[in-house]
């Protein structure tokens, strides 16, 4: 759960405005974090686990600023080249859905964390940068969080997040490789699809039970 809470701050920091493509990567994170954090802090429905509100917030504010194609490619490693275009599309969709479903649950426990932004320098013409931050919670050591970002035709996008030295993409690479070795790329797609369907069913059941 600690990792999930940390990831909430990660996701919230990535929320951006419509003109985000004109903003430097560190400013994209810094200037938009406060507004979204306030939404979570003030919205009792989100804190109570209202899945529709949480997913709407993620869809509107978070997803546009992640490069899920690049993330999936990195998580797949050498196997990406072996996948057909149809398989690649399915993998990106299921990986994206898995990340969304996994981390929306942490919105219900996000409360009093604050985010510190480290000094940032970027050379002219750079297209890949690391934005360093830390998540601070009263009475606990700071948690370092690094955002790997790349400049695309649609602005700066995050393609990996490292929390306490652990890369999100790398952490999935081993799981993906193991599943592909056992059941092939289609087996990995099925595994992700099954997990997403199960998570959606559980969320629907909880919503209906309220």
N, C-alpha and C. Protein backbone atom coordinates (compact mmCIF):
# COMPACT_ATOMS: atom_id res chain seq x y z
N UNK A 1 0.82 -1.20 0.00
CA UNK A 1 0.00 0.00 0.00
C UNK A 1 0.86 1.26 0.00
N UNK A 2 2.03 1.18 0.67
CA UNK A 2 2.92 2.34 0.68
C UNK A 2 3.30 2.74 -0.73
N UNK A 3 3.61 1.75 -1.57
CA UNK A 3 3.97 2.05 -2.95
C UNK A 3 2.80 2.68 -3.69
N UNK A 4 1.58 2.21 -3.41
CA UNK A 4 0.41 2.76 -4.07
C UNK A 4 0.20 4.21 -3.68
N UNK A 5 0.36 4.51 -2.40
CA UNK A 5 0.21 5.89 -1.95
C UNK A 5 1.24 6.78 -2.63
N UNK A 6 2.46 6.29 -2.73
CA UNK A 6 3.49 7.06 -3.41
C UNK A 6 3.12 7.29 -4.86
N UNK A 7 2.57 6.28 -5.50
CA UNK A 7 2.22 6.41 -6.90
C UNK A 7 1.10 7.41 -7.11
N UNK A 8 0.21 7.57 -6.14
CA UNK A 8 -0.82 8.60 -6.26
C UNK A 8 -0.17 9.96 -6.46
N UNK A 9 0.82 10.26 -5.64
CA UNK A 9 1.51 11.54 -5.79
C UNK A 9 2.17 11.62 -7.15
N UNK A 10 2.72 10.51 -7.63
CA UNK A 10 3.31 10.46 -8.95
C UNK A 10 2.27 10.80 -10.01
N UNK A 11 1.13 10.16 -9.95
CA UNK A 11 0.09 10.38 -10.94
C UNK A 11 -0.46 11.79 -10.88
N UNK A 12 -0.67 12.28 -9.67
CA UNK A 12 -1.22 13.62 -9.53
C UNK A 12 -0.26 14.66 -10.08
N UNK A 13 1.01 14.45 -9.87
CA UNK A 13 2.00 15.40 -10.37
C UNK A 13 1.98 15.48 -11.89
N UNK A 14 1.58 14.39 -12.53
CA UNK A 14 1.62 14.37 -13.98
C UNK A 14 0.40 15.01 -14.61
N UNK A 15 -0.57 15.40 -13.81
CA UNK A 15 -1.75 16.05 -14.37
C UNK A 15 -1.36 17.38 -14.97
N UNK A 16 -1.98 17.75 -16.10
CA UNK A 16 -1.58 18.98 -16.76
C UNK A 16 -2.72 19.70 -17.42
N UNK A 17 -2.43 20.90 -17.86
CA UNK A 17 -3.43 21.74 -18.51
C UNK A 17 -3.39 21.53 -20.01
N UNK A 18 -4.34 22.15 -20.70
CA UNK A 18 -4.48 21.94 -22.14
C UNK A 18 -3.26 22.43 -22.90
N UNK A 19 -2.55 23.44 -22.35
CA UNK A 19 -1.40 23.99 -23.04
C UNK A 19 -0.09 23.40 -22.53
N UNK A 20 -0.17 22.20 -21.93
CA UNK A 20 1.00 21.62 -21.27
C UNK A 20 2.16 21.40 -22.24
N UNK A 21 1.86 21.22 -23.54
CA UNK A 21 2.93 20.94 -24.48
C UNK A 21 3.91 22.10 -24.59
N UNK A 22 3.50 23.33 -24.18
CA UNK A 22 4.36 24.49 -24.25
C UNK A 22 5.17 24.68 -22.98
N UNK A 23 4.98 23.83 -22.01
CA UNK A 23 5.59 23.99 -20.69
C UNK A 23 6.80 23.08 -20.56
N UNK A 24 7.85 23.58 -19.91
CA UNK A 24 9.03 22.76 -19.65
C UNK A 24 8.65 21.59 -18.75
N UNK A 25 9.40 20.49 -18.82
CA UNK A 25 8.98 19.28 -18.09
C UNK A 25 8.85 19.47 -16.59
N UNK A 26 9.78 20.21 -15.98
CA UNK A 26 9.67 20.41 -14.54
C UNK A 26 8.49 21.29 -14.18
N UNK A 27 8.22 22.29 -15.02
CA UNK A 27 7.08 23.16 -14.77
C UNK A 27 5.76 22.44 -15.00
N UNK A 28 5.74 21.52 -15.94
CA UNK A 28 4.54 20.72 -16.19
C UNK A 28 4.14 19.99 -14.92
N UNK A 29 5.12 19.46 -14.23
CA UNK A 29 4.84 18.76 -12.97
C UNK A 29 4.51 19.75 -11.86
N UNK A 30 5.36 20.76 -11.71
CA UNK A 30 5.24 21.67 -10.57
C UNK A 30 3.94 22.48 -10.58
N UNK A 31 3.62 23.09 -11.71
CA UNK A 31 2.52 24.05 -11.73
C UNK A 31 1.14 23.42 -11.71
N UNK A 32 1.07 22.14 -12.05
CA UNK A 32 -0.25 21.50 -12.10
C UNK A 32 -0.54 20.62 -10.89
N UNK A 33 0.49 20.31 -10.11
CA UNK A 33 0.29 19.40 -8.98
C UNK A 33 -0.68 19.97 -7.96
N UNK A 34 -0.52 21.22 -7.61
CA UNK A 34 -1.29 21.79 -6.50
C UNK A 34 -2.80 21.72 -6.75
N UNK A 35 -3.23 22.10 -7.95
CA UNK A 35 -4.67 22.10 -8.24
C UNK A 35 -5.28 20.72 -8.09
N UNK A 36 -4.58 19.70 -8.62
CA UNK A 36 -5.14 18.36 -8.59
C UNK A 36 -5.10 17.78 -7.18
N UNK A 37 -4.03 18.09 -6.46
CA UNK A 37 -3.95 17.65 -5.07
C UNK A 37 -5.11 18.21 -4.26
N UNK A 38 -5.48 19.45 -4.55
CA UNK A 38 -6.59 20.06 -3.83
C UNK A 38 -7.91 19.35 -4.15
N UNK A 39 -8.06 18.92 -5.40
CA UNK A 39 -9.27 18.18 -5.78
C UNK A 39 -9.40 16.93 -4.92
N UNK A 40 -8.31 16.19 -4.81
CA UNK A 40 -8.34 14.94 -4.05
C UNK A 40 -8.60 15.21 -2.57
N UNK A 41 -7.93 16.23 -2.04
CA UNK A 41 -8.08 16.53 -0.62
C UNK A 41 -9.49 16.98 -0.27
N UNK A 42 -10.15 17.68 -1.19
CA UNK A 42 -11.46 18.25 -0.90
C UNK A 42 -12.62 17.37 -1.33
N UNK A 43 -12.37 16.43 -2.22
CA UNK A 43 -13.46 15.60 -2.74
C UNK A 43 -13.63 14.35 -1.88
N UNK A 44 -14.64 14.35 -1.05
CA UNK A 44 -14.88 13.23 -0.15
C UNK A 44 -15.25 11.96 -0.91
N UNK A 45 -15.89 12.12 -2.07
CA UNK A 45 -16.25 10.95 -2.87
C UNK A 45 -15.00 10.21 -3.35
N UNK A 46 -14.00 10.97 -3.80
CA UNK A 46 -12.75 10.35 -4.23
C UNK A 46 -12.07 9.67 -3.06
N UNK A 47 -12.03 10.34 -1.92
CA UNK A 47 -11.40 9.75 -0.74
C UNK A 47 -12.13 8.49 -0.28
N UNK A 48 -13.44 8.46 -0.53
CA UNK A 48 -14.24 7.30 -0.13
C UNK A 48 -14.16 6.16 -1.14
N UNK A 49 -13.49 6.41 -2.27
CA UNK A 49 -13.30 5.34 -3.24
C UNK A 49 -14.28 5.32 -4.39
N UNK A 50 -14.91 6.46 -4.70
CA UNK A 50 -15.84 6.53 -5.83
C UNK A 50 -15.06 6.29 -7.12
N UNK A 51 -15.22 5.08 -7.68
CA UNK A 51 -14.42 4.67 -8.83
C UNK A 51 -14.66 5.53 -10.06
N UNK A 52 -15.89 5.93 -10.28
CA UNK A 52 -16.19 6.75 -11.46
C UNK A 52 -15.47 8.09 -11.38
N UNK A 53 -15.53 8.73 -10.22
CA UNK A 53 -14.87 10.02 -10.06
C UNK A 53 -13.35 9.88 -10.18
N UNK A 54 -12.83 8.82 -9.60
CA UNK A 54 -11.38 8.61 -9.66
C UNK A 54 -10.94 8.37 -11.10
N UNK A 55 -11.65 7.49 -11.80
CA UNK A 55 -11.28 7.19 -13.18
C UNK A 55 -11.45 8.40 -14.08
N UNK A 56 -12.49 9.20 -13.84
CA UNK A 56 -12.68 10.43 -14.61
C UNK A 56 -11.51 11.38 -14.40
N UNK A 57 -11.06 11.49 -13.15
CA UNK A 57 -9.93 12.36 -12.85
C UNK A 57 -8.67 11.87 -13.53
N UNK A 58 -8.43 10.57 -13.46
CA UNK A 58 -7.24 10.00 -14.09
C UNK A 58 -7.29 10.18 -15.60
N UNK A 59 -8.45 9.89 -16.20
CA UNK A 59 -8.59 10.02 -17.66
C UNK A 59 -8.35 11.45 -18.13
N UNK A 60 -8.90 12.40 -17.38
CA UNK A 60 -8.84 13.80 -17.81
C UNK A 60 -7.50 14.45 -17.52
N UNK A 61 -6.91 14.12 -16.39
CA UNK A 61 -5.76 14.88 -15.93
C UNK A 61 -4.42 14.15 -15.98
N UNK A 62 -4.45 12.83 -15.96
CA UNK A 62 -3.21 12.07 -15.83
C UNK A 62 -2.77 11.43 -17.14
N UNK A 63 -3.66 10.66 -17.74
CA UNK A 63 -3.27 9.84 -18.89
C UNK A 63 -2.66 10.62 -20.05
N UNK A 64 -3.12 11.85 -20.33
CA UNK A 64 -2.53 12.57 -21.46
C UNK A 64 -1.04 12.83 -21.33
N UNK A 65 -0.48 12.66 -20.15
CA UNK A 65 0.92 13.02 -19.93
C UNK A 65 1.82 11.82 -19.71
N UNK A 66 1.34 10.64 -20.06
CA UNK A 66 2.16 9.43 -20.05
C UNK A 66 2.27 8.88 -21.46
N UNK A 67 3.46 8.44 -21.81
CA UNK A 67 3.70 7.81 -23.11
C UNK A 67 3.59 6.30 -22.90
N UNK A 68 2.38 5.79 -23.01
CA UNK A 68 2.15 4.38 -22.73
C UNK A 68 2.76 3.46 -23.78
N UNK A 69 2.89 3.95 -25.00
CA UNK A 69 3.54 3.13 -26.02
C UNK A 69 5.00 2.90 -25.65
N UNK A 70 5.68 3.97 -25.29
CA UNK A 70 7.09 3.85 -24.90
C UNK A 70 7.23 3.02 -23.63
N UNK A 71 6.34 3.21 -22.66
CA UNK A 71 6.39 2.44 -21.42
C UNK A 71 6.24 0.95 -21.70
N UNK A 72 5.28 0.61 -22.55
CA UNK A 72 5.04 -0.80 -22.87
C UNK A 72 6.23 -1.38 -23.62
N UNK A 73 6.77 -0.61 -24.55
CA UNK A 73 7.94 -1.05 -25.30
C UNK A 73 9.11 -1.37 -24.37
N UNK A 74 9.35 -0.51 -23.41
CA UNK A 74 10.46 -0.73 -22.47
C UNK A 74 10.18 -1.92 -21.56
N UNK A 75 8.93 -2.06 -21.12
CA UNK A 75 8.57 -3.19 -20.26
C UNK A 75 8.69 -4.52 -21.01
N UNK A 76 8.43 -4.49 -22.30
CA UNK A 76 8.53 -5.71 -23.11
C UNK A 76 9.97 -6.07 -23.44
N UNK A 77 10.85 -5.08 -23.47
CA UNK A 77 12.25 -5.35 -23.80
C UNK A 77 12.41 -5.95 -25.18
N UNK A 78 13.21 -6.99 -25.28
CA UNK A 78 13.52 -7.61 -26.57
C UNK A 78 12.29 -8.21 -27.24
N UNK A 79 11.26 -8.52 -26.47
CA UNK A 79 10.08 -9.17 -27.03
C UNK A 79 9.22 -8.21 -27.86
N UNK A 80 9.42 -6.91 -27.69
CA UNK A 80 8.62 -5.94 -28.43
C UNK A 80 8.79 -6.12 -29.93
N UNK A 81 10.01 -6.40 -30.36
CA UNK A 81 10.28 -6.54 -31.79
C UNK A 81 9.57 -7.75 -32.38
N UNK A 82 9.29 -8.74 -31.55
CA UNK A 82 8.65 -9.97 -32.04
C UNK A 82 7.14 -9.85 -32.12
N UNK A 83 6.58 -8.82 -31.50
CA UNK A 83 5.12 -8.67 -31.47
C UNK A 83 4.61 -8.09 -32.77
N UNK A 84 3.44 -8.58 -33.20
CA UNK A 84 2.79 -8.00 -34.37
C UNK A 84 2.19 -6.65 -34.00
N UNK A 85 1.80 -5.88 -35.01
CA UNK A 85 1.19 -4.58 -34.74
C UNK A 85 -0.08 -4.74 -33.91
N UNK A 86 -0.84 -5.78 -34.20
CA UNK A 86 -2.07 -6.04 -33.45
C UNK A 86 -1.76 -6.37 -31.99
N UNK A 87 -0.72 -7.18 -31.78
CA UNK A 87 -0.32 -7.52 -30.42
C UNK A 87 0.20 -6.30 -29.67
N UNK A 88 0.96 -5.46 -30.36
CA UNK A 88 1.48 -4.24 -29.72
C UNK A 88 0.34 -3.34 -29.26
N UNK A 89 -0.66 -3.19 -30.11
CA UNK A 89 -1.80 -2.35 -29.74
C UNK A 89 -2.53 -2.92 -28.52
N UNK A 90 -2.71 -4.24 -28.52
CA UNK A 90 -3.38 -4.88 -27.39
C UNK A 90 -2.56 -4.75 -26.11
N UNK A 91 -1.25 -4.90 -26.23
CA UNK A 91 -0.37 -4.79 -25.06
C UNK A 91 -0.42 -3.40 -24.45
N UNK A 92 -0.36 -2.38 -25.31
CA UNK A 92 -0.42 -1.00 -24.82
C UNK A 92 -1.73 -0.74 -24.10
N UNK A 93 -2.82 -1.21 -24.70
CA UNK A 93 -4.15 -1.00 -24.10
C UNK A 93 -4.26 -1.68 -22.75
N UNK A 94 -3.85 -2.94 -22.68
CA UNK A 94 -3.99 -3.69 -21.43
C UNK A 94 -3.02 -3.19 -20.35
N UNK A 95 -1.81 -2.83 -20.75
CA UNK A 95 -0.84 -2.31 -19.78
C UNK A 95 -1.33 -0.98 -19.20
N UNK A 96 -1.84 -0.14 -20.08
CA UNK A 96 -2.40 1.14 -19.64
C UNK A 96 -3.55 0.91 -18.66
N UNK A 97 -4.46 0.03 -19.02
CA UNK A 97 -5.60 -0.25 -18.15
C UNK A 97 -5.17 -0.83 -16.81
N UNK A 98 -4.14 -1.69 -16.84
CA UNK A 98 -3.66 -2.29 -15.60
C UNK A 98 -3.09 -1.23 -14.67
N UNK A 99 -2.30 -0.32 -15.21
CA UNK A 99 -1.72 0.73 -14.38
C UNK A 99 -2.80 1.62 -13.78
N UNK A 100 -3.79 1.96 -14.60
CA UNK A 100 -4.89 2.80 -14.10
C UNK A 100 -5.64 2.08 -13.00
N UNK A 101 -6.02 0.83 -13.23
CA UNK A 101 -6.80 0.07 -12.25
C UNK A 101 -6.00 -0.18 -10.97
N UNK A 102 -4.70 -0.39 -11.12
CA UNK A 102 -3.88 -0.68 -9.96
C UNK A 102 -3.77 0.51 -9.03
N UNK A 103 -3.60 1.68 -9.60
CA UNK A 103 -3.27 2.83 -8.76
C UNK A 103 -4.44 3.71 -8.38
N UNK A 104 -5.59 3.53 -9.01
CA UNK A 104 -6.74 4.35 -8.60
C UNK A 104 -7.15 4.04 -7.16
N UNK A 105 -6.92 2.80 -6.73
CA UNK A 105 -7.31 2.44 -5.36
C UNK A 105 -6.55 3.25 -4.31
N UNK A 106 -5.37 3.75 -4.66
CA UNK A 106 -4.59 4.47 -3.67
C UNK A 106 -5.11 5.88 -3.42
N UNK A 107 -5.99 6.37 -4.29
CA UNK A 107 -6.57 7.70 -4.05
C UNK A 107 -7.33 7.74 -2.73
N UNK A 108 -7.83 6.60 -2.28
CA UNK A 108 -8.64 6.59 -1.06
C UNK A 108 -7.80 6.76 0.19
N UNK A 109 -6.48 6.58 0.09
CA UNK A 109 -5.64 6.71 1.27
C UNK A 109 -4.68 7.89 1.17
N UNK A 110 -4.76 8.63 0.07
CA UNK A 110 -3.89 9.80 -0.07
C UNK A 110 -4.42 10.92 0.81
N UNK A 111 -3.59 11.48 1.66
CA UNK A 111 -4.05 12.53 2.57
C UNK A 111 -3.08 13.70 2.65
N UNK A 112 -2.02 13.54 3.44
CA UNK A 112 -1.23 14.69 3.82
C UNK A 112 0.20 14.68 3.28
N UNK A 113 0.45 13.94 2.21
CA UNK A 113 1.76 13.99 1.60
C UNK A 113 1.97 15.34 0.90
N UNK A 114 3.20 15.80 0.91
CA UNK A 114 3.57 16.98 0.14
C UNK A 114 4.70 16.60 -0.81
N UNK A 115 4.91 17.41 -1.83
CA UNK A 115 5.89 17.09 -2.86
C UNK A 115 6.94 18.19 -2.92
N UNK A 116 8.19 17.78 -2.85
CA UNK A 116 9.31 18.72 -2.96
C UNK A 116 9.95 18.55 -4.33
N UNK A 117 10.16 19.65 -5.02
CA UNK A 117 10.74 19.61 -6.36
C UNK A 117 12.22 19.99 -6.29
N UNK A 118 13.06 19.13 -6.78
CA UNK A 118 14.50 19.35 -6.74
C UNK A 118 14.92 20.31 -7.84
N UNK A 119 16.08 20.97 -7.68
CA UNK A 119 16.57 21.86 -8.73
C UNK A 119 16.69 21.13 -10.07
N UNK A 120 16.30 21.81 -11.13
CA UNK A 120 16.25 21.17 -12.44
C UNK A 120 16.98 22.03 -13.46
N UNK A 121 17.83 21.39 -14.26
CA UNK A 121 18.51 22.07 -15.35
C UNK A 121 18.36 21.22 -16.61
N UNK A 122 18.15 21.91 -17.73
CA UNK A 122 17.99 21.21 -19.00
C UNK A 122 18.76 21.96 -20.07
N UNK A 123 19.63 21.26 -20.77
CA UNK A 123 20.39 21.87 -21.84
C UNK A 123 19.50 22.11 -23.06
N UNK A 124 19.82 23.12 -23.83
CA UNK A 124 19.05 23.42 -25.04
C UNK A 124 19.07 22.22 -25.97
N UNK A 125 17.90 21.87 -26.47
CA UNK A 125 17.80 20.78 -27.43
C UNK A 125 17.65 19.41 -26.83
N UNK A 126 17.71 19.28 -25.51
CA UNK A 126 17.53 17.97 -24.89
C UNK A 126 16.12 17.45 -25.13
N UNK A 127 16.02 16.16 -25.40
CA UNK A 127 14.71 15.55 -25.65
C UNK A 127 14.35 14.48 -24.61
N UNK A 128 15.29 14.13 -23.75
CA UNK A 128 15.00 13.21 -22.64
C UNK A 128 15.65 13.77 -21.38
N UNK A 129 14.86 13.88 -20.32
CA UNK A 129 15.35 14.47 -19.07
C UNK A 129 14.80 13.69 -17.89
N UNK A 130 15.42 13.92 -16.73
CA UNK A 130 14.93 13.36 -15.47
C UNK A 130 14.53 14.51 -14.55
N UNK A 131 13.29 14.48 -14.10
CA UNK A 131 12.80 15.46 -13.14
C UNK A 131 12.76 14.78 -11.77
N UNK A 132 13.51 15.34 -10.83
CA UNK A 132 13.65 14.71 -9.51
C UNK A 132 12.75 15.41 -8.48
N UNK A 133 12.04 14.61 -7.71
CA UNK A 133 11.20 15.12 -6.64
C UNK A 133 11.33 14.20 -5.43
N UNK A 134 10.71 14.60 -4.35
CA UNK A 134 10.57 13.70 -3.21
C UNK A 134 9.19 13.89 -2.60
N UNK A 135 8.65 12.79 -2.08
CA UNK A 135 7.36 12.82 -1.41
C UNK A 135 7.61 12.85 0.09
N UNK A 136 7.03 13.83 0.75
CA UNK A 136 7.25 14.00 2.19
C UNK A 136 5.96 13.78 2.96
N UNK A 137 6.06 12.98 3.99
CA UNK A 137 4.94 12.73 4.89
C UNK A 137 5.42 12.95 6.31
N UNK A 138 4.65 13.69 7.11
CA UNK A 138 5.07 13.99 8.47
C UNK A 138 5.51 12.74 9.24
N UNK A 139 6.69 12.83 9.86
CA UNK A 139 7.17 11.73 10.69
C UNK A 139 7.84 10.60 9.94
N UNK A 140 7.99 10.75 8.60
CA UNK A 140 8.61 9.68 7.82
C UNK A 140 9.72 10.26 6.94
N UNK A 141 10.71 9.44 6.58
CA UNK A 141 11.79 9.92 5.71
C UNK A 141 11.23 10.28 4.33
N UNK A 142 11.84 11.25 3.65
CA UNK A 142 11.42 11.60 2.29
C UNK A 142 11.60 10.41 1.35
N UNK A 143 10.71 10.31 0.38
CA UNK A 143 10.76 9.23 -0.60
C UNK A 143 11.14 9.83 -1.95
N UNK A 144 12.33 9.50 -2.49
CA UNK A 144 12.73 10.06 -3.78
C UNK A 144 11.92 9.47 -4.93
N UNK A 145 11.49 10.35 -5.81
CA UNK A 145 10.72 9.94 -6.98
C UNK A 145 11.30 10.67 -8.20
N UNK A 146 11.74 9.91 -9.19
CA UNK A 146 12.30 10.48 -10.41
C UNK A 146 11.38 10.18 -11.59
N UNK A 147 11.14 11.20 -12.40
CA UNK A 147 10.32 11.05 -13.60
C UNK A 147 11.22 11.08 -14.82
N UNK A 148 11.19 10.02 -15.61
CA UNK A 148 11.90 10.01 -16.88
C UNK A 148 10.94 10.53 -17.94
N UNK A 149 11.34 11.61 -18.61
CA UNK A 149 10.43 12.27 -19.54
C UNK A 149 11.11 12.46 -20.89
N UNK A 150 10.30 12.43 -21.93
CA UNK A 150 10.82 12.65 -23.28
C UNK A 150 9.92 13.63 -24.01
N UNK A 151 10.53 14.40 -24.88
CA UNK A 151 9.78 15.38 -25.66
C UNK A 151 9.22 14.71 -26.90
N UNK A 152 7.92 14.84 -27.10
CA UNK A 152 7.25 14.26 -28.26
C UNK A 152 6.57 15.37 -29.05
N UNK A 153 5.95 14.99 -30.15
CA UNK A 153 5.22 15.98 -30.95
C UNK A 153 4.05 16.58 -30.18
N UNK A 154 3.62 15.90 -29.14
CA UNK A 154 2.49 16.37 -28.33
C UNK A 154 2.93 16.87 -26.95
N UNK A 155 4.19 17.26 -26.84
CA UNK A 155 4.67 17.79 -25.57
C UNK A 155 5.47 16.76 -24.79
N UNK A 156 5.85 17.14 -23.57
CA UNK A 156 6.63 16.25 -22.71
C UNK A 156 5.75 15.16 -22.13
N UNK A 157 6.27 13.93 -22.18
CA UNK A 157 5.53 12.78 -21.65
C UNK A 157 6.44 11.97 -20.72
N UNK A 158 5.86 11.42 -19.69
CA UNK A 158 6.60 10.52 -18.81
C UNK A 158 6.58 9.11 -19.39
N UNK A 159 7.74 8.45 -19.40
CA UNK A 159 7.79 7.07 -19.89
C UNK A 159 8.31 6.10 -18.83
N UNK A 160 8.69 6.63 -17.68
CA UNK A 160 9.06 5.76 -16.56
C UNK A 160 9.07 6.61 -15.29
N UNK A 161 8.83 5.97 -14.17
CA UNK A 161 8.89 6.61 -12.87
C UNK A 161 9.69 5.69 -11.95
N UNK A 162 10.66 6.27 -11.26
CA UNK A 162 11.48 5.50 -10.33
C UNK A 162 11.18 5.96 -8.91
N UNK A 163 10.75 5.04 -8.07
CA UNK A 163 10.41 5.34 -6.68
C UNK A 163 11.38 4.59 -5.78
N UNK A 164 12.10 5.34 -4.95
CA UNK A 164 13.09 4.74 -4.05
C UNK A 164 14.05 3.84 -4.81
N UNK A 165 14.46 4.29 -5.99
CA UNK A 165 15.43 3.56 -6.78
C UNK A 165 14.88 2.41 -7.59
N UNK A 166 13.57 2.19 -7.53
CA UNK A 166 12.96 1.08 -8.27
C UNK A 166 12.17 1.63 -9.46
N UNK A 167 12.58 1.24 -10.65
CA UNK A 167 11.91 1.67 -11.87
C UNK A 167 10.59 0.93 -12.06
N UNK A 168 9.52 1.69 -12.33
CA UNK A 168 8.22 1.07 -12.56
C UNK A 168 8.27 0.16 -13.78
N UNK A 169 8.90 0.63 -14.85
CA UNK A 169 8.98 -0.16 -16.08
C UNK A 169 9.80 -1.42 -15.86
N UNK A 170 10.95 -1.27 -15.22
CA UNK A 170 11.82 -2.42 -14.99
C UNK A 170 11.14 -3.47 -14.11
N UNK A 171 10.35 -3.01 -13.15
CA UNK A 171 9.69 -3.95 -12.25
C UNK A 171 8.70 -4.84 -12.99
N UNK A 172 8.13 -4.34 -14.08
CA UNK A 172 7.21 -5.15 -14.87
C UNK A 172 7.95 -6.01 -15.90
N UNK A 173 9.15 -5.62 -16.26
CA UNK A 173 9.86 -6.32 -17.34
C UNK A 173 10.10 -7.78 -16.99
N UNK A 174 10.48 -8.05 -15.75
CA UNK A 174 10.72 -9.44 -15.35
C UNK A 174 9.46 -10.27 -15.41
N UNK A 175 8.35 -9.70 -14.94
CA UNK A 175 7.06 -10.41 -14.97
C UNK A 175 6.65 -10.71 -16.40
N UNK A 176 6.79 -9.71 -17.26
CA UNK A 176 6.41 -9.88 -18.66
C UNK A 176 7.27 -10.95 -19.32
N UNK A 177 8.57 -10.90 -19.07
CA UNK A 177 9.48 -11.87 -19.69
C UNK A 177 9.14 -13.29 -19.26
N UNK A 178 8.87 -13.47 -17.97
CA UNK A 178 8.53 -14.80 -17.46
C UNK A 178 7.27 -15.33 -18.12
N UNK A 179 6.25 -14.49 -18.23
CA UNK A 179 4.99 -14.93 -18.84
C UNK A 179 5.17 -15.25 -20.32
N UNK A 180 5.95 -14.44 -21.02
CA UNK A 180 6.19 -14.69 -22.44
C UNK A 180 6.96 -15.99 -22.64
N UNK A 181 7.93 -16.25 -21.78
CA UNK A 181 8.68 -17.50 -21.88
C UNK A 181 7.77 -18.71 -21.71
N UNK A 182 6.76 -18.56 -20.84
CA UNK A 182 5.84 -19.67 -20.58
C UNK A 182 4.77 -19.81 -21.66
N UNK A 183 4.12 -18.69 -21.98
CA UNK A 183 2.90 -18.74 -22.79
C UNK A 183 2.90 -17.84 -24.02
N UNK A 184 4.03 -17.24 -24.32
CA UNK A 184 4.10 -16.40 -25.50
C UNK A 184 3.48 -15.03 -25.28
N UNK A 185 3.56 -14.20 -26.31
CA UNK A 185 3.03 -12.83 -26.22
C UNK A 185 1.52 -12.84 -26.03
N UNK A 186 0.84 -13.74 -26.74
CA UNK A 186 -0.62 -13.82 -26.56
C UNK A 186 -0.98 -14.22 -25.13
N UNK A 187 -0.13 -15.05 -24.52
CA UNK A 187 -0.37 -15.42 -23.13
C UNK A 187 -0.24 -14.23 -22.20
N UNK A 188 0.73 -13.35 -22.47
CA UNK A 188 0.87 -12.13 -21.67
C UNK A 188 -0.34 -11.23 -21.84
N UNK A 189 -0.80 -11.08 -23.07
CA UNK A 189 -1.98 -10.25 -23.32
C UNK A 189 -3.18 -10.80 -22.54
N UNK A 190 -3.34 -12.11 -22.57
CA UNK A 190 -4.46 -12.73 -21.84
C UNK A 190 -4.32 -12.51 -20.34
N UNK A 191 -3.10 -12.65 -19.82
CA UNK A 191 -2.89 -12.45 -18.39
C UNK A 191 -3.27 -11.03 -17.98
N UNK A 192 -2.84 -10.04 -18.75
CA UNK A 192 -3.16 -8.65 -18.45
C UNK A 192 -4.66 -8.40 -18.58
N UNK A 193 -5.25 -8.95 -19.64
CA UNK A 193 -6.68 -8.78 -19.86
C UNK A 193 -7.50 -9.38 -18.73
N UNK A 194 -7.10 -10.57 -18.29
CA UNK A 194 -7.82 -11.23 -17.18
C UNK A 194 -7.71 -10.43 -15.90
N UNK A 195 -6.52 -9.90 -15.62
CA UNK A 195 -6.33 -9.08 -14.41
C UNK A 195 -7.19 -7.83 -14.47
N UNK A 196 -7.24 -7.20 -15.64
CA UNK A 196 -8.04 -5.98 -15.78
C UNK A 196 -9.52 -6.27 -15.63
N UNK A 197 -9.97 -7.38 -16.22
CA UNK A 197 -11.38 -7.74 -16.11
C UNK A 197 -11.76 -8.04 -14.67
N UNK A 198 -10.88 -8.74 -13.96
CA UNK A 198 -11.14 -9.06 -12.56
C UNK A 198 -11.18 -7.80 -11.71
N UNK A 199 -10.23 -6.88 -11.95
CA UNK A 199 -10.20 -5.63 -11.18
C UNK A 199 -11.45 -4.80 -11.45
N UNK A 200 -11.89 -4.77 -12.70
CA UNK A 200 -13.09 -4.01 -13.04
C UNK A 200 -14.32 -4.62 -12.38
N UNK A 201 -14.37 -5.95 -12.33
CA UNK A 201 -15.50 -6.63 -11.71
C UNK A 201 -15.56 -6.35 -10.21
N UNK A 202 -14.40 -6.38 -9.56
CA UNK A 202 -14.34 -6.09 -8.12
C UNK A 202 -14.77 -4.66 -7.85
N UNK A 203 -14.30 -3.72 -8.67
CA UNK A 203 -14.66 -2.32 -8.48
C UNK A 203 -16.16 -2.11 -8.67
N UNK A 204 -16.73 -2.79 -9.67
CA UNK A 204 -18.16 -2.67 -9.92
C UNK A 204 -18.96 -3.23 -8.77
N UNK A 205 -18.51 -4.36 -8.22
CA UNK A 205 -19.20 -4.99 -7.09
C UNK A 205 -19.17 -4.09 -5.87
N UNK A 206 -18.01 -3.46 -5.62
CA UNK A 206 -17.90 -2.56 -4.47
C UNK A 206 -18.80 -1.35 -4.63
N UNK A 207 -18.85 -0.82 -5.86
CA UNK A 207 -19.69 0.34 -6.12
C UNK A 207 -21.15 0.00 -5.93
N UNK A 208 -21.53 -1.20 -6.40
CA UNK A 208 -22.92 -1.62 -6.27
C UNK A 208 -23.32 -1.92 -4.85
N UNK A 209 -22.32 -2.28 -4.03
CA UNK A 209 -22.60 -2.64 -2.64
C UNK A 209 -22.81 -1.42 -1.75
N UNK A 210 -22.42 -0.24 -2.24
CA UNK A 210 -22.55 0.96 -1.42
C UNK A 210 -23.97 1.48 -1.43
